[in-house]
Amino acid sequence: MGMFKDAPPSEHPDFTQLRFMAAGTPSWWKRNRHKALGVAGLLAGFWLASHYGAAPAASCDPATTTGTSAPGPQGAAVGR
């Protein structure tokens, strides 16, 4: 319908010959970006795990501790 009810719609002369364009083939990046980003993520994960994965274990040997903050023995074990 046109702008006014008494004017029938008409085709615009400049736009009657338009055709839809066929989509081109996607580039290498668009076809394979999920693979490339997946590999990059795996490599980054392995690198982080190898560098920051295991902290050195703390020693629990009482002979190496220093200071007198630990309480001494109590009860019957003192006299032995």
C-alpha atoms as a PDB file:
ATOM      1  CA  MET A   1       0.000   0.000   0.000  1.00  0.00           C
ATOM      2  CA  GLY A   2       1.267   3.464  -0.830  1.00  0.00           C
ATOM      3  CA  MET A   3       1.487   6.487   1.384  1.00  0.00           C
ATOM      4  CA  PHE A   4      -2.127   7.348   0.697  1.00  0.00           C
ATOM      5  CA  LYS A   5      -4.949   4.880   0.308  1.00  0.00           C
ATOM      6  CA  ASP A   6      -5.877   6.076  -3.164  1.00  0.00           C
ATOM      7  CA  ALA A   7      -2.323   5.594  -4.560  1.00  0.00           C
ATOM      8  CA  PRO A   8      -1.563   1.963  -5.426  1.00  0.00           C
ATOM      9  CA  PRO A   9       1.912   0.676  -4.521  1.00  0.00           C
ATOM     10  CA  SER A  10       4.440   0.735  -7.328  1.00  0.00           C
ATOM     11  CA  GLU A  11       7.920  -0.686  -7.690  1.00  0.00           C
ATOM     12  CA  HIS A  12      10.813   1.684  -7.483  1.00  0.00           C
ATOM     13  CA  PRO A  13      12.634   1.850 -10.819  1.00  0.00           C
ATOM     14  CA  ASP A  14      16.115   1.664  -9.297  1.00  0.00           C
ATOM     15  CA  PHE A  15      15.423  -1.469  -7.244  1.00  0.00           C
ATOM     16  CA  THR A  16      13.587  -3.736  -9.677  1.00  0.00           C
ATOM     17  CA  GLN A  17      16.725  -5.462 -10.977  1.00  0.00           C
ATOM     18  CA  LEU A  18      18.288  -6.384  -7.618  1.00  0.00           C
ATOM     19  CA  ARG A  19      19.316  -9.995  -7.154  1.00  0.00           C
ATOM     20  CA  PHE A  20      20.477 -11.737  -4.029  1.00  0.00           C
ATOM     21  CA  MET A  21      24.179 -12.468  -4.005  1.00  0.00           C
ATOM     22  CA  ALA A  22      25.361 -15.972  -3.280  1.00  0.00           C
ATOM     23  CA  ALA A  23      27.411 -16.287  -0.112  1.00  0.00           C
ATOM     24  CA  GLY A  24      31.112 -16.797  -0.698  1.00  0.00           C
ATOM     25  CA  THR A  25      33.090 -19.598   0.825  1.00  0.00           C
ATOM     26  CA  PRO A  26      34.278 -18.853   4.355  1.00  0.00           C
ATOM     27  CA  SER A  27      37.941 -18.179   4.958  1.00  0.00           C
ATOM     28  CA  TRP A  28      40.300 -20.663   6.592  1.00  0.00           C
ATOM     29  CA  TRP A  29      39.987 -18.851   9.924  1.00  0.00           C
ATOM     30  CA  LYS A  30      36.185 -18.997   9.929  1.00  0.00           C
ATOM     31  CA  ARG A  31      36.224 -22.705   9.073  1.00  0.00           C
ATOM     32  CA  ASN A  32      38.884 -23.728  11.603  1.00  0.00           C
ATOM     33  CA  ARG A  33      38.875 -21.147  14.399  1.00  0.00           C
ATOM     34  CA  HIS A  34      37.263 -23.534  16.886  1.00  0.00           C
ATOM     35  CA  LYS A  35      40.090 -26.006  16.278  1.00  0.00           C
ATOM     36  CA  ALA A  36      42.829 -23.378  16.504  1.00  0.00           C
ATOM     37  CA  LEU A  37      41.430 -21.849  19.694  1.00  0.00           C
ATOM     38  CA  GLY A  38      40.940 -25.305  21.221  1.00  0.00           C
ATOM     39  CA  VAL A  39      44.546 -26.269  20.569  1.00  0.00           C
ATOM     40  CA  ALA A  40      45.763 -22.907  21.914  1.00  0.00           C
ATOM     41  CA  GLY A  41      43.667 -23.404  25.059  1.00  0.00           C
ATOM     42  CA  LEU A  42      45.006 -26.896  25.615  1.00  0.00           C
ATOM     43  CA  LEU A  43      48.606 -25.741  25.193  1.00  0.00           C
ATOM     44  CA  ALA A  44      48.061 -22.850  27.606  1.00  0.00           C
ATOM     45  CA  GLY A  45      46.436 -25.224  30.111  1.00  0.00           C
ATOM     46  CA  PHE A  46      49.311 -27.699  29.956  1.00  0.00           C
ATOM     47  CA  TRP A  47      51.820 -24.885  30.334  1.00  0.00           C
ATOM     48  CA  LEU A  48      50.016 -23.459  33.367  1.00  0.00           C
ATOM     49  CA  ALA A  49      49.661 -26.890  34.938  1.00  0.00           C
ATOM     50  CA  SER A  50      53.326 -27.669  34.486  1.00  0.00           C
ATOM     51  CA  HIS A  51      54.482 -24.355  35.955  1.00  0.00           C
ATOM     52  CA  TYR A  52      51.935 -23.718  38.693  1.00  0.00           C
ATOM     53  CA  GLY A  53      50.353 -27.101  39.347  1.00  0.00           C
ATOM     54  CA  ALA A  54      52.345 -28.539  42.242  1.00  0.00           C
ATOM     55  CA  ALA A  55      53.604 -26.422  45.118  1.00  0.00           C
ATOM     56  CA  PRO A  56      56.558 -27.780  47.080  1.00  0.00           C
ATOM     57  CA  ALA A  57      55.375 -29.866  50.021  1.00  0.00           C
ATOM     58  CA  ALA A  58      55.937 -28.397  53.468  1.00  0.00           C
ATOM     59  CA  SER A  59      58.071 -30.450  55.807  1.00  0.00           C
ATOM     60  CA  CYS A  60      56.377 -31.744  58.972  1.00  0.00           C
ATOM     61  CA  ASP A  61      59.566 -32.920  60.659  1.00  0.00           C
ATOM     62  CA  PRO A  62      59.478 -31.628  64.279  1.00  0.00           C
ATOM     63  CA  ALA A  63      63.283 -31.639  64.515  1.00  0.00           C
ATOM     64  CA  THR A  64      63.529 -28.837  61.948  1.00  0.00           C
ATOM     65  CA  THR A  65      61.007 -26.516  63.606  1.00  0.00           C
ATOM     66  CA  THR A  66      62.341 -23.536  65.511  1.00  0.00           C
ATOM     67  CA  GLY A  67      60.851 -21.473  68.311  1.00  0.00           C
ATOM     68  CA  THR A  68      59.175 -22.304  71.572  1.00  0.00           C
ATOM     69  CA  SER A  69      55.560 -21.687  70.641  1.00  0.00           C
ATOM     70  CA  ALA A  70      54.610 -25.376  70.964  1.00  0.00           C
ATOM     71  CA  PRO A  71      53.439 -26.446  74.434  1.00  0.00           C
ATOM     72  CA  GLY A  72      55.614 -28.879  76.350  1.00  0.00           C
ATOM     73  CA  PRO A  73      54.602 -32.384  77.449  1.00  0.00           C
ATOM     74  CA  GLN A  74      52.006 -32.665  80.221  1.00  0.00           C
ATOM     75  CA  GLY A  75      50.848 -35.257  82.716  1.00  0.00           C
ATOM     76  CA  ALA A  76      52.616 -38.531  83.478  1.00  0.00           C
ATOM     77  CA  ALA A  77      54.887 -38.297  80.449  1.00  0.00           C
ATOM     78  CA  VAL A  78      56.914 -35.470  82.036  1.00  0.00           C
ATOM     79  CA  GLY A  79      58.664 -37.698  84.537  1.00  0.00           C
ATOM     80  CA  ARG A  80      59.732 -40.378  82.131  1.00  0.00           C
END
